[in-house]
Amino acid sequence: MSGTRDQILDAAEQQFADRGFYGVSLANIAETLGVTKQALLHHFGTKERLYGSVLDRISKDFLNALHTQQMQTLEPEEQLRSFLRDLLGRSSRDASRDQLLVRELLDNRERAAEAGAWYMRDFLDALTQVLKTCYGWHEATDAEAFCAVYQLVGAASYFAISGPTLIGLGGEEGYRAITEQFGRQHELLIDAVLSRYR
């Protein structure tokens, strides 16, 4: 049963990333998996619940990465830096999650007014609290720290989904050079955030 649930979430995540919430139906996902629409309804009830489960899983994966024992042994500055480097590296290898998260920001106007849960909140709040334990950020407001975290995560996510466009603009070789340079630029952005109150 767990394997089936994970397979459904994997397929749904890819479909929602590629086509957005409104561009995907339960029938599309069921067809991809070779199951009936009723099988999906049995596991999740509605498309909205399936979509929420996909976002919840992503958020929990990010939280787990942030709270690994290895990360917990680092100083807050290095914990933040290490997490963001890893996020950028994972994004470069597989941009589907970033694409889904950016779509969620762009496509959810109608759902936002009725949303019962914001699945990425726990992850963003946890990262915000890590930043607030960094030197110079203790007195920052939650809003200031959240905006800084949002900017850092957003920069990595936006770059990840821009790959096809950047390849079109500069070819494969140009894209490799841009990717390398973006890693350096992102480090400078992290440095700027961490040194803001020093």
C-alpha atoms as a PDB file:
ATOM      1  CA  MET A   1       0.000   0.000   0.000  1.00  0.00           C
ATOM      2  CA  SER A   2       2.845   2.424   0.893  1.00  0.00           C
ATOM      3  CA  GLY A   3       4.602   1.706  -2.399  1.00  0.00           C
ATOM      4  CA  THR A   4       1.394   2.431  -4.265  1.00  0.00           C
ATOM      5  CA  ARG A   5       0.928   5.700  -2.398  1.00  0.00           C
ATOM      6  CA  ASP A   6       4.513   6.744  -3.117  1.00  0.00           C
ATOM      7  CA  GLN A   7       4.115   5.838  -6.804  1.00  0.00           C
ATOM      8  CA  ILE A   8       0.970   7.951  -6.993  1.00  0.00           C
ATOM      9  CA  LEU A   9       2.718  10.876  -5.311  1.00  0.00           C
ATOM     10  CA  ASP A  10       5.725  10.565  -7.638  1.00  0.00           C
ATOM     11  CA  ALA A  11       3.518  10.579 -10.738  1.00  0.00           C
ATOM     12  CA  ALA A  12       1.341  13.401  -9.432  1.00  0.00           C
ATOM     13  CA  GLU A  13       4.374  15.498  -8.485  1.00  0.00           C
ATOM     14  CA  GLN A  14       5.790  15.242 -11.993  1.00  0.00           C
ATOM     15  CA  GLN A  15       2.437  15.988 -13.651  1.00  0.00           C
ATOM     16  CA  PHE A  16       1.705  18.989 -11.412  1.00  0.00           C
ATOM     17  CA  ALA A  17       5.247  20.279 -12.006  1.00  0.00           C
ATOM     18  CA  ASP A  18       4.915  19.946 -15.779  1.00  0.00           C
ATOM     19  CA  ARG A  19       1.377  21.266 -16.175  1.00  0.00           C
ATOM     20  CA  GLY A  20       0.297  22.995 -12.980  1.00  0.00           C
ATOM     21  CA  PHE A  21      -2.672  22.251 -10.753  1.00  0.00           C
ATOM     22  CA  TYR A  22      -5.259  23.352 -13.306  1.00  0.00           C
ATOM     23  CA  GLY A  23      -3.593  21.551 -16.213  1.00  0.00           C
ATOM     24  CA  VAL A  24      -3.770  18.107 -14.610  1.00  0.00           C
ATOM     25  CA  SER A  25      -6.756  15.888 -13.928  1.00  0.00           C
ATOM     26  CA  LEU A  26      -6.996  12.780 -11.793  1.00  0.00           C
ATOM     27  CA  ALA A  27      -7.673  10.902 -15.036  1.00  0.00           C
ATOM     28  CA  ASN A  28      -4.287  12.109 -16.410  1.00  0.00           C
ATOM     29  CA  ILE A  29      -2.450  10.842 -13.347  1.00  0.00           C
ATOM     30  CA  ALA A  30      -4.378   7.566 -13.300  1.00  0.00           C
ATOM     31  CA  GLU A  31      -3.548   6.985 -16.971  1.00  0.00           C
ATOM     32  CA  THR A  32       0.159   7.572 -16.324  1.00  0.00           C
ATOM     33  CA  LEU A  33       0.076   4.963 -13.561  1.00  0.00           C
ATOM     34  CA  GLY A  34      -2.147   2.505 -15.416  1.00  0.00           C
ATOM     35  CA  VAL A  35      -4.762   2.574 -12.656  1.00  0.00           C
ATOM     36  CA  THR A  36      -8.336   3.779 -12.470  1.00  0.00           C
ATOM     37  CA  LYS A  37      -9.379   7.223 -11.345  1.00  0.00           C
ATOM     38  CA  GLN A  38     -11.315   5.471  -8.572  1.00  0.00           C
ATOM     39  CA  ALA A  39      -8.036   4.035  -7.230  1.00  0.00           C
ATOM     40  CA  LEU A  40      -6.696   7.579  -6.813  1.00  0.00           C
ATOM     41  CA  LEU A  41      -9.921   8.696  -5.180  1.00  0.00           C
ATOM     42  CA  HIS A  42      -9.652   5.760  -2.790  1.00  0.00           C
ATOM     43  CA  HIS A  43      -6.202   6.928  -1.628  1.00  0.00           C
ATOM     44  CA  PHE A  44      -6.694  10.703  -1.666  1.00  0.00           C
ATOM     45  CA  GLY A  45     -10.374  11.580  -2.088  1.00  0.00           C
ATOM     46  CA  THR A  46      -9.946  14.659  -4.296  1.00  0.00           C
ATOM     47  CA  LYS A  47      -7.408  16.258  -6.610  1.00  0.00           C
ATOM     48  CA  GLU A  48      -6.929  19.010  -4.022  1.00  0.00           C
ATOM     49  CA  ARG A  49      -5.997  16.462  -1.350  1.00  0.00           C
ATOM     50  CA  LEU A  50      -3.605  14.700  -3.715  1.00  0.00           C
ATOM     51  CA  TYR A  51      -1.984  18.033  -4.561  1.00  0.00           C
ATOM     52  CA  GLY A  52      -1.743  18.882  -0.863  1.00  0.00           C
ATOM     53  CA  SER A  53      -0.137  15.503  -0.169  1.00  0.00           C
ATOM     54  CA  VAL A  54       2.469  16.192  -2.859  1.00  0.00           C
ATOM     55  CA  LEU A  55       3.317  19.595  -1.345  1.00  0.00           C
ATOM     56  CA  ASP A  56       3.308  18.138   2.173  1.00  0.00           C
ATOM     57  CA  ARG A  57       5.808  15.452   1.147  1.00  0.00           C
ATOM     58  CA  ILE A  58       8.131  18.040  -0.427  1.00  0.00           C
ATOM     59  CA  SER A  59       7.956  20.210   2.682  1.00  0.00           C
ATOM     60  CA  LYS A  60       8.703  17.233   4.947  1.00  0.00           C
ATOM     61  CA  ASP A  61      11.644  16.195   2.745  1.00  0.00           C
ATOM     62  CA  PHE A  62      13.076  19.718   3.036  1.00  0.00           C
ATOM     63  CA  LEU A  63      12.491  19.726   6.792  1.00  0.00           C
ATOM     64  CA  ASN A  64      14.195  16.335   7.152  1.00  0.00           C
ATOM     65  CA  ALA A  65      17.195  17.623   5.204  1.00  0.00           C
ATOM     66  CA  LEU A  66      17.346  20.670   7.465  1.00  0.00           C
ATOM     67  CA  HIS A  67      17.088  18.593  10.654  1.00  0.00           C
ATOM     68  CA  THR A  68      19.488  15.758   9.893  1.00  0.00           C
ATOM     69  CA  GLN A  69      21.931  14.966  12.662  1.00  0.00           C
ATOM     70  CA  GLN A  70      24.812  16.177  10.497  1.00  0.00           C
ATOM     71  CA  MET A  71      23.103  19.549   9.998  1.00  0.00           C
ATOM     72  CA  GLN A  72      22.306  19.866  13.714  1.00  0.00           C
ATOM     73  CA  THR A  73      26.015  19.704  14.595  1.00  0.00           C
ATOM     74  CA  LEU A  74      26.811  22.760  12.465  1.00  0.00           C
ATOM     75  CA  GLU A  75      26.830  26.361  13.616  1.00  0.00           C
ATOM     76  CA  PRO A  76      23.676  28.172  12.407  1.00  0.00           C
ATOM     77  CA  GLU A  77      25.515  30.083   9.649  1.00  0.00           C
ATOM     78  CA  GLU A  78      27.015  26.882   8.269  1.00  0.00           C
ATOM     79  CA  GLN A  79      23.726  25.018   8.688  1.00  0.00           C
ATOM     80  CA  LEU A  80      21.964  27.630   6.561  1.00  0.00           C
ATOM     81  CA  ARG A  81      24.769  27.750   4.005  1.00  0.00           C
ATOM     82  CA  SER A  82      25.009  23.939   3.770  1.00  0.00           C
ATOM     83  CA  PHE A  83      21.255  23.532   3.343  1.00  0.00           C
ATOM     84  CA  LEU A  84      21.094  26.185   0.601  1.00  0.00           C
ATOM     85  CA  ARG A  85      24.077  24.687  -1.249  1.00  0.00           C
ATOM     86  CA  ASP A  86      22.422  21.284  -1.134  1.00  0.00           C
ATOM     87  CA  LEU A  87      19.118  22.781  -2.291  1.00  0.00           C
ATOM     88  CA  LEU A  88      20.836  24.447  -5.244  1.00  0.00           C
ATOM     89  CA  GLY A  89      22.683  21.209  -6.108  1.00  0.00           C
ATOM     90  CA  ARG A  90      19.494  19.140  -5.985  1.00  0.00           C
ATOM     91  CA  SER A  91      17.668  21.775  -7.999  1.00  0.00           C
ATOM     92  CA  SER A  92      20.318  21.644 -10.703  1.00  0.00           C
ATOM     93  CA  ARG A  93      19.912  17.847 -10.995  1.00  0.00           C
ATOM     94  CA  ASP A  94      16.101  17.730 -10.869  1.00  0.00           C
ATOM     95  CA  ALA A  95      14.135  20.922 -11.274  1.00  0.00           C
ATOM     96  CA  SER A  96      10.665  19.347 -11.095  1.00  0.00           C
ATOM     97  CA  ARG A  97      10.123  20.204  -7.427  1.00  0.00           C
ATOM     98  CA  ASP A  98      11.262  23.770  -7.974  1.00  0.00           C
ATOM     99  CA  GLN A  99       8.996  24.020 -10.993  1.00  0.00           C
ATOM    100  CA  LEU A 100       6.068  22.805  -8.902  1.00  0.00           C
ATOM    101  CA  LEU A 101       6.817  25.241  -6.090  1.00  0.00           C
ATOM    102  CA  VAL A 102       7.085  28.193  -8.476  1.00  0.00           C
ATOM    103  CA  ARG A 103       3.847  27.086 -10.160  1.00  0.00           C
ATOM    104  CA  GLU A 104       2.214  26.993  -6.737  1.00  0.00           C
ATOM    105  CA  LEU A 105       3.160  30.640  -6.245  1.00  0.00           C
ATOM    106  CA  LEU A 106       1.860  31.615  -9.679  1.00  0.00           C
ATOM    107  CA  ASP A 107      -1.158  29.357 -10.213  1.00  0.00           C
ATOM    108  CA  ASN A 108      -2.932  29.373  -6.881  1.00  0.00           C
ATOM    109  CA  ARG A 109      -4.841  32.662  -6.817  1.00  0.00           C
ATOM    110  CA  GLU A 110      -8.241  31.010  -6.796  1.00  0.00           C
ATOM    111  CA  ARG A 111      -7.211  28.371  -4.257  1.00  0.00           C
ATOM    112  CA  ALA A 112      -5.304  30.782  -1.999  1.00  0.00           C
ATOM    113  CA  ALA A 113      -8.489  32.360  -0.661  1.00  0.00           C
ATOM    114  CA  GLU A 114      -9.809  28.950   0.383  1.00  0.00           C
ATOM    115  CA  ALA A 115      -6.591  27.164   1.314  1.00  0.00           C
ATOM    116  CA  GLY A 116      -6.929  25.299   4.578  1.00  0.00           C
ATOM    117  CA  ALA A 117      -3.235  24.481   4.851  1.00  0.00           C
ATOM    118  CA  TRP A 118      -0.029  26.027   3.577  1.00  0.00           C
ATOM    119  CA  TYR A 119       2.195  22.989   3.296  1.00  0.00           C
ATOM    120  CA  MET A 120       5.490  24.833   2.807  1.00  0.00           C
ATOM    121  CA  ARG A 121       4.973  27.002   5.896  1.00  0.00           C
ATOM    122  CA  ASP A 122       6.678  24.615   8.354  1.00  0.00           C
ATOM    123  CA  PHE A 123       9.774  24.353   6.171  1.00  0.00           C
ATOM    124  CA  LEU A 124      10.028  28.107   5.553  1.00  0.00           C
ATOM    125  CA  ASP A 125       9.390  28.849   9.246  1.00  0.00           C
ATOM    126  CA  ALA A 126      12.112  26.388  10.276  1.00  0.00           C
ATOM    127  CA  LEU A 127      14.622  27.935   7.873  1.00  0.00           C
ATOM    128  CA  THR A 128      13.608  31.397   9.102  1.00  0.00           C
ATOM    129  CA  GLN A 129      14.323  30.329  12.683  1.00  0.00           C
ATOM    130  CA  VAL A 130      17.756  29.002  11.680  1.00  0.00           C
ATOM    131  CA  LEU A 131      18.546  32.414  10.185  1.00  0.00           C
ATOM    132  CA  LYS A 132      17.337  34.156  13.354  1.00  0.00           C
ATOM    133  CA  THR A 133      19.887  32.176  15.394  1.00  0.00           C
ATOM    134  CA  CYS A 134      22.708  33.449  13.156  1.00  0.00           C
ATOM    135  CA  TYR A 135      24.995  36.207  14.395  1.00  0.00           C
ATOM    136  CA  GLY A 136      23.395  39.613  13.945  1.00  0.00           C
ATOM    137  CA  TRP A 137      19.923  38.246  13.184  1.00  0.00           C
ATOM    138  CA  HIS A 138      18.724  37.715  16.768  1.00  0.00           C
ATOM    139  CA  GLU A 139      16.886  41.035  16.858  1.00  0.00           C
ATOM    140  CA  ALA A 140      15.468  40.817  13.332  1.00  0.00           C
ATOM    141  CA  THR A 141      11.724  40.572  12.980  1.00  0.00           C
ATOM    142  CA  ASP A 142      10.182  37.370  11.702  1.00  0.00           C
ATOM    143  CA  ALA A 143       9.187  39.272   8.561  1.00  0.00           C
ATOM    144  CA  GLU A 144      12.779  40.409   7.893  1.00  0.00           C
ATOM    145  CA  ALA A 145      14.176  36.910   8.356  1.00  0.00           C
ATOM    146  CA  PHE A 146      11.387  35.299   6.336  1.00  0.00           C
ATOM    147  CA  CYS A 147      11.981  37.685   3.411  1.00  0.00           C
ATOM    148  CA  ALA A 148      15.706  36.909   3.419  1.00  0.00           C
ATOM    149  CA  VAL A 149      15.060  33.143   3.448  1.00  0.00           C
ATOM    150  CA  TYR A 150      12.378  33.482   0.766  1.00  0.00           C
ATOM    151  CA  GLN A 151      14.807  35.390  -1.438  1.00  0.00           C
ATOM    152  CA  LEU A 152      17.554  32.773  -1.049  1.00  0.00           C
ATOM    153  CA  VAL A 153      15.268  29.781  -1.662  1.00  0.00           C
ATOM    154  CA  GLY A 154      13.487  31.623  -4.477  1.00  0.00           C
ATOM    155  CA  ALA A 155      16.728  32.469  -6.281  1.00  0.00           C
ATOM    156  CA  ALA A 156      17.782  28.799  -6.274  1.00  0.00           C
ATOM    157  CA  SER A 157      14.338  27.612  -7.383  1.00  0.00           C
ATOM    158  CA  TYR A 158      13.977  30.168 -10.164  1.00  0.00           C
ATOM    159  CA  PHE A 159      17.425  29.384 -11.517  1.00  0.00           C
ATOM    160  CA  ALA A 160      16.656  25.662 -11.513  1.00  0.00           C
ATOM    161  CA  ILE A 161      13.527  26.026 -13.645  1.00  0.00           C
ATOM    162  CA  SER A 162      15.257  28.386 -16.082  1.00  0.00           C
ATOM    163  CA  GLY A 163      17.555  25.659 -17.445  1.00  0.00           C
ATOM    164  CA  PRO A 164      15.814  25.097 -20.814  1.00  0.00           C
ATOM    165  CA  THR A 165      15.658  28.845 -21.496  1.00  0.00           C
ATOM    166  CA  LEU A 166      19.281  29.388 -20.517  1.00  0.00           C
ATOM    167  CA  ILE A 167      20.389  26.473 -22.720  1.00  0.00           C
ATOM    168  CA  GLY A 168      18.429  28.044 -25.575  1.00  0.00           C
ATOM    169  CA  LEU A 169      20.123  31.374 -25.004  1.00  0.00           C
ATOM    170  CA  GLY A 170      23.694  30.152 -24.605  1.00  0.00           C
ATOM    171  CA  GLY A 171      23.850  26.506 -25.636  1.00  0.00           C
ATOM    172  CA  GLU A 172      25.044  23.657 -23.425  1.00  0.00           C
ATOM    173  CA  GLU A 173      28.520  25.108 -22.935  1.00  0.00           C
ATOM    174  CA  GLY A 174      27.148  28.527 -22.065  1.00  0.00           C
ATOM    175  CA  TYR A 175      24.689  26.958 -19.649  1.00  0.00           C
ATOM    176  CA  ARG A 176      27.492  25.094 -17.842  1.00  0.00           C
ATOM    177  CA  ALA A 177      29.399  28.385 -17.440  1.00  0.00           C
ATOM    178  CA  ILE A 178      26.261  30.178 -16.228  1.00  0.00           C
ATOM    179  CA  THR A 179      25.496  27.379 -13.757  1.00  0.00           C
ATOM    180  CA  GLU A 180      28.995  27.578 -12.301  1.00  0.00           C
ATOM    181  CA  GLN A 181      28.773  31.362 -12.068  1.00  0.00           C
ATOM    182  CA  PHE A 182      25.310  31.232 -10.511  1.00  0.00           C
ATOM    183  CA  GLY A 183      26.664  29.009  -7.727  1.00  0.00           C
ATOM    184  CA  ARG A 184      29.224  31.709  -6.940  1.00  0.00           C
ATOM    185  CA  GLN A 185      26.605  34.465  -7.145  1.00  0.00           C
ATOM    186  CA  HIS A 186      24.296  32.556  -4.825  1.00  0.00           C
ATOM    187  CA  GLU A 187      27.129  32.223  -2.297  1.00  0.00           C
ATOM    188  CA  LEU A 188      27.604  36.004  -2.467  1.00  0.00           C
ATOM    189  CA  LEU A 189      23.890  36.463  -1.851  1.00  0.00           C
ATOM    190  CA  ILE A 190      24.098  34.186   1.199  1.00  0.00           C
ATOM    191  CA  ASP A 191      27.154  36.149   2.413  1.00  0.00           C
ATOM    192  CA  ALA A 192      25.240  39.403   1.997  1.00  0.00           C
ATOM    193  CA  VAL A 193      22.303  38.095   4.009  1.00  0.00           C
ATOM    194  CA  LEU A 194      24.529  36.718   6.782  1.00  0.00           C
ATOM    195  CA  SER A 195      26.574  39.918   7.050  1.00  0.00           C
ATOM    196  CA  ARG A 196      23.607  42.291   6.876  1.00  0.00           C
ATOM    197  CA  TYR A 197      23.548  43.133  10.565  1.00  0.00           C
ATOM    198  CA  ARG A 198      27.285  42.953  11.268  1.00  0.00           C
END
